[in-house]
């Protein structure tokens, strides 16, 4: 019988997430994994913000690199077979419950 393991996590780059990814690879063989990743709305805003100075350009580039790394980690987790729910903090509770109910309806537990 498979269990659903829900992991609430936050990672800033692929290097810091590497250990988590390796552990997920072992767990996903026997269990259904759901990673709940809080969206960093401040970084997203910084990346979208219109630059007005050289410092703004630097911040936007760093933010874009962080978001790219984040998407790479999410893609790696999904390729392993894990589910990933990326959600703003204020919507987390309802989104996790809805995802859990969807998984139960699929009958994969």
PDB file of N, CA and C in Angstrom:
ATOM      1  N   UNK A   1       0.836  -1.187   0.000  1.00  0.00           N
ATOM      2  CA  UNK A   1       0.000   0.000   0.000  1.00  0.00           C
ATOM      3  C   UNK A   1       0.879   1.248   0.000  1.00  0.00           C
ATOM      4  N   UNK A   2       0.572   2.151  -0.894  1.00  0.00           N
ATOM      5  CA  UNK A   2       1.341   3.397  -0.995  1.00  0.00           C
ATOM      6  C   UNK A   2       0.794   4.435  -0.032  1.00  0.00           C
ATOM      7  N   UNK A   3       1.687   5.233   0.483  1.00  0.00           N
ATOM      8  CA  UNK A   3       1.307   6.357   1.338  1.00  0.00           C
ATOM      9  C   UNK A   3       1.560   7.648   0.587  1.00  0.00           C
ATOM     10  N   UNK A   4       0.838   8.674   0.965  1.00  0.00           N
ATOM     11  CA  UNK A   4       1.097  10.011   0.439  1.00  0.00           C
ATOM     12  C   UNK A   4       1.986  10.725   1.439  1.00  0.00           C
ATOM     13  N   UNK A   5       3.129  11.167   0.968  1.00  0.00           N
ATOM     14  CA  UNK A   5       4.046  11.951   1.790  1.00  0.00           C
ATOM     15  C   UNK A   5       4.004  13.370   1.258  1.00  0.00           C
ATOM     16  N   UNK A   6       3.630  14.293   2.121  1.00  0.00           N
ATOM     17  CA  UNK A   6       3.558  15.702   1.737  1.00  0.00           C
ATOM     18  C   UNK A   6       4.737  16.416   2.374  1.00  0.00           C
ATOM     19  N   UNK A   7       5.561  17.029   1.544  1.00  0.00           N
ATOM     20  CA  UNK A   7       6.742  17.745   2.008  1.00  0.00           C
ATOM     21  C   UNK A   7       6.563  19.230   1.719  1.00  0.00           C
ATOM     22  N   UNK A   8       6.572  20.018   2.760  1.00  0.00           N
ATOM     23  CA  UNK A   8       6.518  21.467   2.618  1.00  0.00           C
ATOM     24  C   UNK A   8       7.959  21.941   2.607  1.00  0.00           C
ATOM     25  N   UNK A   9       8.356  22.586   1.528  1.00  0.00           N
ATOM     26  CA  UNK A   9       9.763  22.927   1.388  1.00  0.00           C
ATOM     27  C   UNK A   9       9.939  24.240   0.648  1.00  0.00           C
ATOM     28  N   UNK A  10      11.150  24.734   0.762  1.00  0.00           N
ATOM     29  CA  UNK A  10      11.539  25.925   0.019  1.00  0.00           C
ATOM     30  C   UNK A  10      13.006  25.740  -0.325  1.00  0.00           C
ATOM     31  N   UNK A  11      13.344  25.975  -1.546  1.00  0.00           N
ATOM     32  CA  UNK A  11      14.736  25.878  -1.949  1.00  0.00           C
ATOM     33  C   UNK A  11      15.063  27.084  -2.805  1.00  0.00           C
ATOM     34  N   UNK A  12      16.329  27.489  -2.736  1.00  0.00           N
ATOM     35  CA  UNK A  12      16.725  28.690  -3.467  1.00  0.00           C
ATOM     36  C   UNK A  12      17.542  28.379  -4.706  1.00  0.00           C
ATOM     37  N   UNK A  13      18.141  27.203  -4.756  1.00  0.00           N
ATOM     38  CA  UNK A  13      18.937  26.858  -5.930  1.00  0.00           C
ATOM     39  C   UNK A  13      19.043  25.344  -6.050  1.00  0.00           C
ATOM     40  N   UNK A  14      19.524  24.923  -7.197  1.00  0.00           N
ATOM     41  CA  UNK A  14      19.607  23.489  -7.484  1.00  0.00           C
ATOM     42  C   UNK A  14      20.586  22.782  -6.557  1.00  0.00           C
ATOM     43  N   UNK A  15      21.655  23.452  -6.166  1.00  0.00           N
ATOM     44  CA  UNK A  15      22.647  22.832  -5.293  1.00  0.00           C
ATOM     45  C   UNK A  15      22.060  22.522  -3.926  1.00  0.00           C
ATOM     46  N   UNK A  16      21.339  23.471  -3.354  1.00  0.00           N
ATOM     47  CA  UNK A  16      20.759  23.242  -2.027  1.00  0.00           C
ATOM     48  C   UNK A  16      19.646  22.201  -2.071  1.00  0.00           C
ATOM     49  N   UNK A  17      19.064  21.982  -3.212  1.00  0.00           N
ATOM     50  CA  UNK A  17      17.967  21.021  -3.345  1.00  0.00           C
ATOM     51  C   UNK A  17      18.445  19.622  -3.715  1.00  0.00           C
ATOM     52  N   UNK A  18      19.725  19.462  -3.986  1.00  0.00           N
ATOM     53  CA  UNK A  18      20.230  18.186  -4.490  1.00  0.00           C
ATOM     54  C   UNK A  18      19.987  17.029  -3.522  1.00  0.00           C
ATOM     55  N   UNK A  19      20.240  17.218  -2.247  1.00  0.00           N
ATOM     56  CA  UNK A  19      20.023  16.161  -1.260  1.00  0.00           C
ATOM     57  C   UNK A  19      18.550  15.768  -1.205  1.00  0.00           C
ATOM     58  N   UNK A  20      17.682  16.766  -1.264  1.00  0.00           N
ATOM     59  CA  UNK A  20      16.245  16.515  -1.249  1.00  0.00           C
ATOM     60  C   UNK A  20      15.831  15.702  -2.484  1.00  0.00           C
ATOM     61  N   UNK A  21      16.395  16.023  -3.619  1.00  0.00           N
ATOM     62  CA  UNK A  21      16.064  15.319  -4.858  1.00  0.00           C
ATOM     63  C   UNK A  21      16.509  13.859  -4.780  1.00  0.00           C
ATOM     64  N   UNK A  22      17.707  13.628  -4.235  1.00  0.00           N
ATOM     65  CA  UNK A  22      18.185  12.246  -4.105  1.00  0.00           C
ATOM     66  C   UNK A  22      17.292  11.432  -3.167  1.00  0.00           C
ATOM     67  N   UNK A  23      16.890  12.040  -2.061  1.00  0.00           N
ATOM     68  CA  UNK A  23      15.995  11.345  -1.123  1.00  0.00           C
ATOM     69  C   UNK A  23      14.643  11.074  -1.778  1.00  0.00           C
ATOM     70  N   UNK A  24      14.163  12.033  -2.551  1.00  0.00           N
ATOM     71  CA  UNK A  24      12.875  11.863  -3.238  1.00  0.00           C
ATOM     72  C   UNK A  24      12.936  10.693  -4.205  1.00  0.00           C
ATOM     73  N   UNK A  25      14.064  10.522  -4.867  1.00  0.00           N
ATOM     74  CA  UNK A  25      14.219   9.415  -5.802  1.00  0.00           C
ATOM     75  C   UNK A  25      14.025   8.065  -5.141  1.00  0.00           C
ATOM     76  N   UNK A  26      14.466   7.953  -3.892  1.00  0.00           N
ATOM     77  CA  UNK A  26      14.282   6.690  -3.160  1.00  0.00           C
ATOM     78  C   UNK A  26      12.842   6.535  -2.684  1.00  0.00           C
ATOM     79  N   UNK A  27      12.249   7.609  -2.196  1.00  0.00           N
ATOM     80  CA  UNK A  27      10.897   7.537  -1.636  1.00  0.00           C
ATOM     81  C   UNK A  27       9.823   7.298  -2.694  1.00  0.00           C
ATOM     82  N   UNK A  28      10.009   7.874  -3.871  1.00  0.00           N
ATOM     83  CA  UNK A  28       8.964   7.826  -4.893  1.00  0.00           C
ATOM     84  C   UNK A  28       8.754   6.406  -5.432  1.00  0.00           C
ATOM     85  N   UNK A  29       9.704   5.521  -5.183  1.00  0.00           N
ATOM     86  CA  UNK A  29       9.539   4.130  -5.626  1.00  0.00           C
ATOM     87  C   UNK A  29       8.407   3.423  -4.884  1.00  0.00           C
ATOM     88  N   UNK A  30       8.189   3.809  -3.619  1.00  0.00           N
ATOM     89  CA  UNK A  30       7.180   3.131  -2.800  1.00  0.00           C
ATOM     90  C   UNK A  30       5.994   4.011  -2.439  1.00  0.00           C
ATOM     91  N   UNK A  31       6.163   5.306  -2.521  1.00  0.00           N
ATOM     92  CA  UNK A  31       5.133   6.216  -2.029  1.00  0.00           C
ATOM     93  C   UNK A  31       4.815   7.295  -3.056  1.00  0.00           C
ATOM     94  N   UNK A  32       3.708   7.939  -2.858  1.00  0.00           N
ATOM     95  CA  UNK A  32       3.328   9.103  -3.669  1.00  0.00           C
ATOM     96  C   UNK A  32       3.852  10.328  -2.932  1.00  0.00           C
ATOM     97  N   UNK A  33       4.658  11.135  -3.610  1.00  0.00           N
ATOM     98  CA  UNK A  33       5.251  12.323  -2.998  1.00  0.00           C
ATOM     99  C   UNK A  33       4.593  13.577  -3.541  1.00  0.00           C
ATOM    100  N   UNK A  34       4.252  14.465  -2.635  1.00  0.00           N
ATOM    101  CA  UNK A  34       3.734  15.775  -3.009  1.00  0.00           C
ATOM    102  C   UNK A  34       4.623  16.821  -2.365  1.00  0.00           C
ATOM    103  N   UNK A  35       5.332  17.558  -3.186  1.00  0.00           N
ATOM    104  CA  UNK A  35       6.147  18.667  -2.705  1.00  0.00           C
ATOM    105  C   UNK A  35       5.310  19.930  -2.786  1.00  0.00           C
ATOM    106  N   UNK A  36       5.162  20.598  -1.669  1.00  0.00           N
ATOM    107  CA  UNK A  36       4.461  21.874  -1.624  1.00  0.00           C
ATOM    108  C   UNK A  36       5.539  22.943  -1.507  1.00  0.00           C
ATOM    109  N   UNK A  37       5.654  23.740  -2.555  1.00  0.00           N
ATOM    110  CA  UNK A  37       6.698  24.753  -2.640  1.00  0.00           C
ATOM    111  C   UNK A  37       6.033  26.123  -2.630  1.00  0.00           C
ATOM    112  N   UNK A  38       6.395  26.935  -1.660  1.00  0.00           N
ATOM    113  CA  UNK A  38       5.827  28.278  -1.594  1.00  0.00           C
ATOM    114  C   UNK A  38       6.446  29.148  -2.673  1.00  0.00           C
ATOM    115  N   UNK A  39       5.595  29.794  -3.424  1.00  0.00           N
ATOM    116  CA  UNK A  39       6.079  30.718  -4.451  1.00  0.00           C
ATOM    117  C   UNK A  39       6.701  31.923  -3.771  1.00  0.00           C
ATOM    118  N   UNK A  40       7.818  32.371  -4.298  1.00  0.00           N
ATOM    119  CA  UNK A  40       8.481  33.563  -3.768  1.00  0.00           C
ATOM    120  C   UNK A  40       8.023  34.748  -4.603  1.00  0.00           C
ATOM    121  N   UNK A  41       6.921  35.325  -4.174  1.00  0.00           N
ATOM    122  CA  UNK A  41       6.311  36.396  -4.955  1.00  0.00           C
ATOM    123  C   UNK A  41       7.189  37.642  -5.012  1.00  0.00           C
ATOM    124  N   UNK A  42       8.009  37.852  -3.994  1.00  0.00           N
ATOM    125  CA  UNK A  42       8.911  39.006  -4.009  1.00  0.00           C
ATOM    126  C   UNK A  42       9.958  38.859  -5.109  1.00  0.00           C
ATOM    127  N   UNK A  43      10.507  37.663  -5.253  1.00  0.00           N
ATOM    128  CA  UNK A  43      11.487  37.419  -6.318  1.00  0.00           C
ATOM    129  C   UNK A  43      10.809  37.541  -7.679  1.00  0.00           C
ATOM    130  N   UNK A  44       9.597  37.034  -7.804  1.00  0.00           N
ATOM    131  CA  UNK A  44       8.867  37.147  -9.070  1.00  0.00           C
ATOM    132  C   UNK A  44       8.609  38.611  -9.426  1.00  0.00           C
ATOM    133  N   UNK A  45       8.237  39.404  -8.432  1.00  0.00           N
ATOM    134  CA  UNK A  45       8.012  40.843  -8.687  1.00  0.00           C
ATOM    135  C   UNK A  45       9.302  41.527  -9.109  1.00  0.00           C
ATOM    136  N   UNK A  46      10.387  41.180  -8.448  1.00  0.00           N
ATOM    137  CA  UNK A  46      11.681  41.796  -8.761  1.00  0.00           C
ATOM    138  C   UNK A  46      12.092  41.472 -10.193  1.00  0.00           C
ATOM    139  N   UNK A  47      11.817  40.252 -10.620  1.00  0.00           N
ATOM    140  CA  UNK A  47      12.185  39.853 -11.978  1.00  0.00           C
ATOM    141  C   UNK A  47      11.348  40.598 -13.020  1.00  0.00           C
ATOM    142  N   UNK A  48      10.096  40.875 -12.704  1.00  0.00           N
ATOM    143  CA  UNK A  48       9.197  41.551 -13.651  1.00  0.00           C
ATOM    144  C   UNK A  48       9.315  43.076 -13.622  1.00  0.00           C
ATOM    145  N   UNK A  49       9.865  43.600 -12.543  1.00  0.00           N
ATOM    146  CA  UNK A  49       9.905  45.050 -12.359  1.00  0.00           C
ATOM    147  C   UNK A  49      10.739  45.735 -13.441  1.00  0.00           C
ATOM    148  N   UNK A  50      10.258  46.865 -13.897  1.00  0.00           N
ATOM    149  CA  UNK A  50      10.990  47.632 -14.910  1.00  0.00           C
ATOM    150  C   UNK A  50      12.216  48.283 -14.254  1.00  0.00           C
ATOM    151  N   UNK A  51      13.415  47.976 -14.753  1.00  0.00           N
ATOM    152  CA  UNK A  51      14.630  48.527 -14.133  1.00  0.00           C
ATOM    153  C   UNK A  51      14.781  50.022 -14.413  1.00  0.00           C
ATOM    154  N   UNK A  52      15.193  50.723 -13.367  1.00  0.00           N
ATOM    155  CA  UNK A  52      15.432  52.162 -13.497  1.00  0.00           C
ATOM    156  C   UNK A  52      16.885  52.520 -13.229  1.00  0.00           C
ATOM    157  N   UNK A  53      17.672  51.547 -12.812  1.00  0.00           N
ATOM    158  CA  UNK A  53      19.088  51.796 -12.525  1.00  0.00           C
ATOM    159  C   UNK A  53      19.870  50.512 -12.788  1.00  0.00           C
ATOM    160  N   UNK A  54      21.186  50.637 -12.733  1.00  0.00           N
ATOM    161  CA  UNK A  54      22.041  49.460 -12.919  1.00  0.00           C
ATOM    162  C   UNK A  54      21.795  48.437 -11.808  1.00  0.00           C
ATOM    163  N   UNK A  55      21.565  48.918 -10.606  1.00  0.00           N
ATOM    164  CA  UNK A  55      21.279  48.012  -9.484  1.00  0.00           C
ATOM    165  C   UNK A  55      19.979  47.247  -9.726  1.00  0.00           C
ATOM    166  N   UNK A  56      18.991  47.916 -10.322  1.00  0.00           N
ATOM    167  CA  UNK A  56      17.729  47.245 -10.645  1.00  0.00           C
ATOM    168  C   UNK A  56      17.945  46.128 -11.665  1.00  0.00           C
ATOM    169  N   UNK A  57      18.804  46.390 -12.643  1.00  0.00           N
ATOM    170  CA  UNK A  57      19.108  45.379 -13.664  1.00  0.00           C
ATOM    171  C   UNK A  57      19.773  44.165 -13.010  1.00  0.00           C
ATOM    172  N   UNK A  58      20.709  44.438 -12.111  1.00  0.00           N
ATOM    173  CA  UNK A  58      21.385  43.351 -11.400  1.00  0.00           C
ATOM    174  C   UNK A  58      20.394  42.530 -10.590  1.00  0.00           C
ATOM    175  N   UNK A  59      19.523  43.206  -9.844  1.00  0.00           N
ATOM    176  CA  UNK A  59      18.520  42.499  -9.044  1.00  0.00           C
ATOM    177  C   UNK A  59      17.600  41.665  -9.933  1.00  0.00           C
ATOM    178  N   UNK A  60      17.202  42.226 -11.068  1.00  0.00           N
ATOM    179  CA  UNK A  60      16.321  41.496 -11.985  1.00  0.00           C
ATOM    180  C   UNK A  60      17.020  40.256 -12.540  1.00  0.00           C
ATOM    181  N   UNK A  61      18.300  40.384 -12.864  1.00  0.00           N
ATOM    182  CA  UNK A  61      19.050  39.235 -13.383  1.00  0.00           C
ATOM    183  C   UNK A  61      19.220  38.147 -12.329  1.00  0.00           C
ATOM    184  N   UNK A  62      19.509  38.554 -11.100  1.00  0.00           N
ATOM    185  CA  UNK A  62      19.639  37.576 -10.014  1.00  0.00           C
ATOM    186  C   UNK A  62      18.298  36.885  -9.772  1.00  0.00           C
ATOM    187  N   UNK A  63      17.226  37.655  -9.765  1.00  0.00           N
ATOM    188  CA  UNK A  63      15.889  37.084  -9.568  1.00  0.00           C
ATOM    189  C   UNK A  63      15.559  36.096 -10.681  1.00  0.00           C
ATOM    190  N   UNK A  64      15.877  36.456 -11.919  1.00  0.00           N
ATOM    191  CA  UNK A  64      15.605  35.564 -13.049  1.00  0.00           C
ATOM    192  C   UNK A  64      16.395  34.262 -12.914  1.00  0.00           C
ATOM    193  N   UNK A  65      17.650  34.361 -12.485  1.00  0.00           N
ATOM    194  CA  UNK A  65      18.470  33.158 -12.297  1.00  0.00           C
ATOM    195  C   UNK A  65      17.896  32.277 -11.186  1.00  0.00           C
ATOM    196  N   UNK A  66      17.438  32.891 -10.108  1.00  0.00           N
ATOM    197  CA  UNK A  66      16.837  32.126  -9.009  1.00  0.00           C
ATOM    198  C   UNK A  66      15.581  31.400  -9.475  1.00  0.00           C
ATOM    199  N   UNK A  67      14.761  32.080 -10.259  1.00  0.00           N
ATOM    200  CA  UNK A  67      13.529  31.462 -10.752  1.00  0.00           C
ATOM    201  C   UNK A  67      13.825  30.327 -11.734  1.00  0.00           C
ATOM    202  N   UNK A  68      14.860  30.497 -12.565  1.00  0.00           N
ATOM    203  CA  UNK A  68      15.263  29.418 -13.484  1.00  0.00           C
ATOM    204  C   UNK A  68      15.731  28.190 -12.699  1.00  0.00           C
ATOM    205  N   UNK A  69      16.569  28.427 -11.679  1.00  0.00           N
ATOM    206  CA  UNK A  69      17.040  27.311 -10.852  1.00  0.00           C
ATOM    207  C   UNK A  69      15.867  26.595 -10.195  1.00  0.00           C
ATOM    208  N   UNK A  70      14.931  27.367  -9.714  1.00  0.00           N
ATOM    209  CA  UNK A  70      13.748  26.806  -9.049  1.00  0.00           C
ATOM    210  C   UNK A  70      12.969  25.910 -10.016  1.00  0.00           C
ATOM    211  N   UNK A  71      12.780  26.379 -11.248  1.00  0.00           N
ATOM    212  CA  UNK A  71      12.057  25.588 -12.239  1.00  0.00           C
ATOM    213  C   UNK A  71      12.824  24.321 -12.618  1.00  0.00           C
ATOM    214  N   UNK A  72      14.143  24.395 -12.635  1.00  0.00           N
ATOM    215  CA  UNK A  72      14.945  23.198 -12.911  1.00  0.00           C
ATOM    216  C   UNK A  72      14.748  22.150 -11.821  1.00  0.00           C
ATOM    217  N   UNK A  73      14.741  22.590 -10.564  1.00  0.00           N
ATOM    218  CA  UNK A  73      14.527  21.661  -9.453  1.00  0.00           C
ATOM    219  C   UNK A  73      13.132  21.052  -9.539  1.00  0.00           C
ATOM    220  N   UNK A  74      12.140  21.878  -9.798  1.00  0.00           N
ATOM    221  CA  UNK A  74      10.764  21.382  -9.920  1.00  0.00           C
ATOM    222  C   UNK A  74      10.668  20.360 -11.051  1.00  0.00           C
ATOM    223  N   UNK A  75      11.302  20.648 -12.171  1.00  0.00           N
ATOM    224  CA  UNK A  75      11.282  19.712 -13.304  1.00  0.00           C
ATOM    225  C   UNK A  75      11.959  18.391 -12.941  1.00  0.00           C
ATOM    226  N   UNK A  76      13.064  18.449 -12.207  1.00  0.00           N
ATOM    227  CA  UNK A  76      13.741  17.213 -11.787  1.00  0.00           C
ATOM    228  C   UNK A  76      12.844  16.385 -10.872  1.00  0.00           C
ATOM    229  N   UNK A  77      12.180  17.041  -9.939  1.00  0.00           N
ATOM    230  CA  UNK A  77      11.270  16.325  -9.037  1.00  0.00           C
ATOM    231  C   UNK A  77      10.136  15.667  -9.819  1.00  0.00           C
ATOM    232  N   UNK A  78       9.597  16.392 -10.783  1.00  0.00           N
ATOM    233  CA  UNK A  78       8.503  15.843 -11.585  1.00  0.00           C
ATOM    234  C   UNK A  78       8.974  14.672 -12.439  1.00  0.00           C
ATOM    235  N   UNK A  79      10.184  14.749 -12.986  1.00  0.00           N
ATOM    236  CA  UNK A  79      10.719  13.629 -13.772  1.00  0.00           C
ATOM    237  C   UNK A  79      10.899  12.376 -12.910  1.00  0.00           C
ATOM    238  N   UNK A  80      11.185  12.577 -11.630  1.00  0.00           N
ATOM    239  CA  UNK A  80      11.300  11.436 -10.713  1.00  0.00           C
ATOM    240  C   UNK A  80       9.948  10.781 -10.449  1.00  0.00           C
ATOM    241  N   UNK A  81       8.881  11.521 -10.718  1.00  0.00           N
ATOM    242  CA  UNK A  81       7.542  11.006 -10.454  1.00  0.00           C
ATOM    243  C   UNK A  81       6.846  11.671  -9.286  1.00  0.00           C
ATOM    244  N   UNK A  82       7.461  12.698  -8.722  1.00  0.00           N
ATOM    245  CA  UNK A  82       6.846  13.424  -7.610  1.00  0.00           C
ATOM    246  C   UNK A  82       5.866  14.457  -8.155  1.00  0.00           C
ATOM    247  N   UNK A  83       4.837  14.724  -7.374  1.00  0.00           N
ATOM    248  CA  UNK A  83       3.927  15.820  -7.687  1.00  0.00           C
ATOM    249  C   UNK A  83       4.483  17.077  -7.035  1.00  0.00           C
ATOM    250  N   UNK A  84       4.353  18.202  -7.707  1.00  0.00           N
ATOM    251  CA  UNK A  84       4.828  19.466  -7.152  1.00  0.00           C
ATOM    252  C   UNK A  84       3.703  20.475  -7.234  1.00  0.00           C
ATOM    253  N   UNK A  85       3.421  21.068  -6.109  1.00  0.00           N
ATOM    254  CA  UNK A  85       2.408  22.114  -6.010  1.00  0.00           C
ATOM    255  C   UNK A  85       3.132  23.391  -5.624  1.00  0.00           C
ATOM    256  N   UNK A  86       3.208  24.325  -6.549  1.00  0.00           N
ATOM    257  CA  UNK A  86       3.849  25.614  -6.288  1.00  0.00           C
ATOM    258  C   UNK A  86       2.735  26.621  -6.087  1.00  0.00           C
ATOM    259  N   UNK A  87       2.704  27.238  -4.913  1.00  0.00           N
ATOM    260  CA  UNK A  87       1.534  28.016  -4.540  1.00  0.00           C
ATOM    261  C   UNK A  87       1.932  29.175  -3.624  1.00  0.00           C
ATOM    262  N   UNK A  88       1.216  30.309  -3.725  1.00  0.00           N
ATOM    263  CA  UNK A  88       1.458  31.403  -2.774  1.00  0.00           C
ATOM    264  C   UNK A  88       1.062  30.973  -1.364  1.00  0.00           C
ATOM    265  N   UNK A  89       1.706  31.541  -0.375  1.00  0.00           N
ATOM    266  CA  UNK A  89       1.463  31.158   1.021  1.00  0.00           C
ATOM    267  C   UNK A  89      -0.004  31.297   1.411  1.00  0.00           C
ATOM    268  N   UNK A  90      -0.664  32.344   0.937  1.00  0.00           N
ATOM    269  CA  UNK A  90      -2.048  32.573   1.361  1.00  0.00           C
ATOM    270  C   UNK A  90      -3.045  31.595   0.731  1.00  0.00           C
ATOM    271  N   UNK A  91      -2.622  30.840  -0.264  1.00  0.00           N
ATOM    272  CA  UNK A  91      -3.508  29.858  -0.906  1.00  0.00           C
ATOM    273  C   UNK A  91      -3.086  28.421  -0.611  1.00  0.00           C
ATOM    274  N   UNK A  92      -2.068  28.265   0.217  1.00  0.00           N
ATOM    275  CA  UNK A  92      -1.481  26.949   0.432  1.00  0.00           C
ATOM    276  C   UNK A  92      -2.468  25.940   1.009  1.00  0.00           C
ATOM    277  N   UNK A  93      -3.161  26.281   2.063  1.00  0.00           N
ATOM    278  CA  UNK A  93      -4.046  25.326   2.732  1.00  0.00           C
ATOM    279  C   UNK A  93      -5.075  24.727   1.799  1.00  0.00           C
ATOM    280  N   UNK A  94      -5.814  25.578   1.128  1.00  0.00           N
ATOM    281  CA  UNK A  94      -6.862  25.104   0.222  1.00  0.00           C
ATOM    282  C   UNK A  94      -6.271  24.310  -0.941  1.00  0.00           C
ATOM    283  N   UNK A  95      -5.134  24.755  -1.456  1.00  0.00           N
ATOM    284  CA  UNK A  95      -4.517  24.063  -2.592  1.00  0.00           C
ATOM    285  C   UNK A  95      -4.037  22.668  -2.202  1.00  0.00           C
ATOM    286  N   UNK A  96      -3.489  22.536  -1.007  1.00  0.00           N
ATOM    287  CA  UNK A  96      -3.023  21.220  -0.556  1.00  0.00           C
ATOM    288  C   UNK A  96      -4.204  20.270  -0.375  1.00  0.00           C
ATOM    289  N   UNK A  97      -5.270  20.751   0.241  1.00  0.00           N
ATOM    290  CA  UNK A  97      -6.453  19.908   0.438  1.00  0.00           C
ATOM    291  C   UNK A  97      -7.031  19.481  -0.908  1.00  0.00           C
ATOM    292  N   UNK A  98      -7.145  20.403  -1.843  1.00  0.00           N
ATOM    293  CA  UNK A  98      -7.692  20.080  -3.166  1.00  0.00           C
ATOM    294  C   UNK A  98      -6.813  19.062  -3.893  1.00  0.00           C
ATOM    295  N   UNK A  99      -5.503  19.241  -3.811  1.00  0.00           N
ATOM    296  CA  UNK A  99      -4.591  18.294  -4.453  1.00  0.00           C
ATOM    297  C   UNK A  99      -4.706  16.915  -3.811  1.00  0.00           C
ATOM    298  N   UNK A 100      -4.792  16.876  -2.496  1.00  0.00           N
ATOM    299  CA  UNK A 100      -4.972  15.602  -1.787  1.00  0.00           C
ATOM    300  C   UNK A 100      -6.252  14.902  -2.251  1.00  0.00           C
ATOM    301  N   UNK A 101      -7.337  15.654  -2.334  1.00  0.00           N
ATOM    302  CA  UNK A 101      -8.607  15.063  -2.777  1.00  0.00           C
ATOM    303  C   UNK A 101      -8.513  14.550  -4.213  1.00  0.00           C
ATOM    304  N   UNK A 102      -7.816  15.289  -5.079  1.00  0.00           N
ATOM    305  CA  UNK A 102      -7.607  14.830  -6.458  1.00  0.00           C
ATOM    306  C   UNK A 102      -6.837  13.507  -6.485  1.00  0.00           C
ATOM    307  N   UNK A 103      -5.805  13.416  -5.677  1.00  0.00           N
ATOM    308  CA  UNK A 103      -5.001  12.190  -5.618  1.00  0.00           C
ATOM    309  C   UNK A 103      -5.849  11.025  -5.111  1.00  0.00           C
ATOM    310  N   UNK A 104      -6.662  11.275  -4.095  1.00  0.00           N
ATOM    311  CA  UNK A 104      -7.551  10.220  -3.570  1.00  0.00           C
ATOM    312  C   UNK A 104      -8.533   9.758  -4.644  1.00  0.00           C
ATOM    313  N   UNK A 105      -9.083  10.713  -5.408  1.00  0.00           N
ATOM    314  CA  UNK A 105     -10.025  10.362  -6.478  1.00  0.00           C
ATOM    315  C   UNK A 105      -9.363   9.507  -7.552  1.00  0.00           C
ATOM    316  N   UNK A 106      -8.083   9.744  -7.789  1.00  0.00           N
ATOM    317  CA  UNK A 106      -7.351   8.958  -8.785  1.00  0.00           C
ATOM    318  C   UNK A 106      -7.130   7.520  -8.327  1.00  0.00           C
ATOM    319  N   UNK A 107      -7.250   7.292  -7.034  1.00  0.00           N
ATOM    320  CA  UNK A 107      -7.070   5.947  -6.496  1.00  0.00           C
ATOM    321  C   UNK A 107      -5.637   5.469  -6.477  1.00  0.00           C
ATOM    322  N   UNK A 108      -4.690   6.385  -6.418  1.00  0.00           N
ATOM    323  CA  UNK A 108      -3.284   5.978  -6.475  1.00  0.00           C
ATOM    324  C   UNK A 108      -2.640   5.842  -5.100  1.00  0.00           C
ATOM    325  N   UNK A 109      -3.460   5.806  -4.058  1.00  0.00           N
ATOM    326  CA  UNK A 109      -2.916   5.594  -2.706  1.00  0.00           C
ATOM    327  C   UNK A 109      -3.331   4.240  -2.187  1.00  0.00           C
TER     328      UNK A 109
END
